[in-house]
Amino acid sequence: MPRRSWVLWAAATLTAAVPSLFFWVIWTLTGDYGSRSYLSMSSGSCLGWDIYVQVSPWAYPVKAFPLFSYGGAPLIVLGFAGWCLSLRSGRTGLGRMIGRCVAVVLLVLNLPDLLLPTLDAALGPACTQIWGPPELLSQQFAWGLYDCVPPILVLLAVRAPRRAFVRRGPVVRTAAGVLAVTAVVLLPAASAPPGKVSAQWELGCPGFGDDTATRLNSAEKDFLCTVRGYDRPYDSGVEGWDEVSDQDVLAQGRHLCALATRRGGDIAARAVSEAPQASLAGALPSLCPAVARAQQAEADRRQAESDAYVAQKERACAAHPRHRPKIEPVRQRRATLWTEFWTIDGWEDGYEGNPPDLVEELVGSGRGTLAIWAADEIGHACVTVESYTRRPPLETRGWEEVVEVGYESPTGSLELVDGDGTSLKGLTTRGPGSYRVRVHLRGRELVTQTVDAPDGAVELLVQVFPGTAKKPVVYK
């Protein structure tokens, strides 16, 4: 196996994979490239762009295939394996054919991104603008040239050792064949009729229609539903695209997807946000796997941070000593409850509504409703609830505030519920009837007067027991 050849194969693989790996690393480390807004609208017809609109529907699904990810590096590795096996079996001609096929496939997929903007640039400034601002177009030219490097390296790797000038023929013939195939495929596409604008019932958008647009796959339908605002009530969709044909919307969405894919799926990357199609970025996850993966990874990261934050607070609450009641309650439960509006609420089925006014800014009650102060607007509290069949002895030692109110239970199913959906049920022991609710609090002064209060600073003890008295009592 010639040393020169495997070095060129390795160079081709590395050259293909480096951009995707680089942008993935940058996105992983920073999560952001910075962004600026840019939108371009143009009228008339430009040959290069028109061809791109027609070609991208078949080119994009091919590029999305895993074999062509990372700039086609998996395909190059596969071709290298076939070339090696062919050489080992003495079939060098087959090995060269495999390498040339790999190069031709990559060139056919990548050349349109270089040749079509070049064609429009030659037609004049009006057609150049449709591809974006000058710096973005320059980037596309540079990337188009770069994408041609791996297949050229593959062609050089499989070229037979030069013994005479005629040995250059296969490379020239391969390049000419690629250009001929590209012309045959691309030029007739320019005269293809424009697509239609599908209605929401044809696309089968959520809640509408019978999904009759069989020419589109599910990802394309979801993308169009989002762009046109069919997937959400009272949503007018992305402005400026309501009368653009399905085919053109999908083509420009794929173009934007290709830009985002090169940057790890980051739709905030400068090249994406400055593209003429940038307004479609919000709908890209349904069409662009790289964007969907990036956004899912970001959502998973944020969820992991949230889970870790909640777990830290719950550990702080669990570290508090368990309350030792003076008499045995029917039930005792503990939980870390969260609020974004100062209080945690108690409800019975059918009596949800406005929370009652608080007595001493601590606890308030109404028929079927209860409210207990738990945080300085946003935060958490370590809550213990105890249910009794008779009045428990009064406890004030160690507590900063103790207030007792009357409570009328219409259904006997009172439960405390926080803003995250965590609930403490079974507070009433004798079904419907009259009860007293005694609330003990410590930690209010700490959280209201300290910028960064320690975890688990607010502790609440809520005791519920039968009682007919209506008047509130402030014990401390």
Foldseek 3Di string as FASTA:
>chain_A
DDPLLVVLLVVLLCLLQVLLVVLQVVCVVPVFAAADAAADDADDDFQLVLLLLLPCVVLLVVCPPPCCPSLNSNLSVVLVVVLVVCVVVVNLVVNLVSLLVSLLVLCLSLVSLQVSLVRQVVVDDRSNPQFFDPVLNVVSNVVSVSSNSSSVSSNVSSQDPDPDPCSCVVVVVSVVVSVVVSCVVRVVSSPDDFAAQDDCQCLVAPPHHDPVVVVDDVLLSQLSCQQCVVNDPPDRHQPPCNGHHSSNLLSVLSVLLVVCSSNQLRCRNHSNNRGNNSSSSVSNLSPHVSVVVSVVVVVVVVVVVVVVVVVVLFVVLVPDDDDDFPDDFPDKDKDKFWAQAQKWKKADPPPDDDAADADVQAKDEDARMIIGGAAPNTDIAIEMETAHADDGDDDDPPFPWKKKFKYFYQFQWIWIAHPVGDIDTRRYDPTGGIKMKMKTWFQHCQRVVDPDHDRNRIYMYIYIYHDDDGDMDIPD
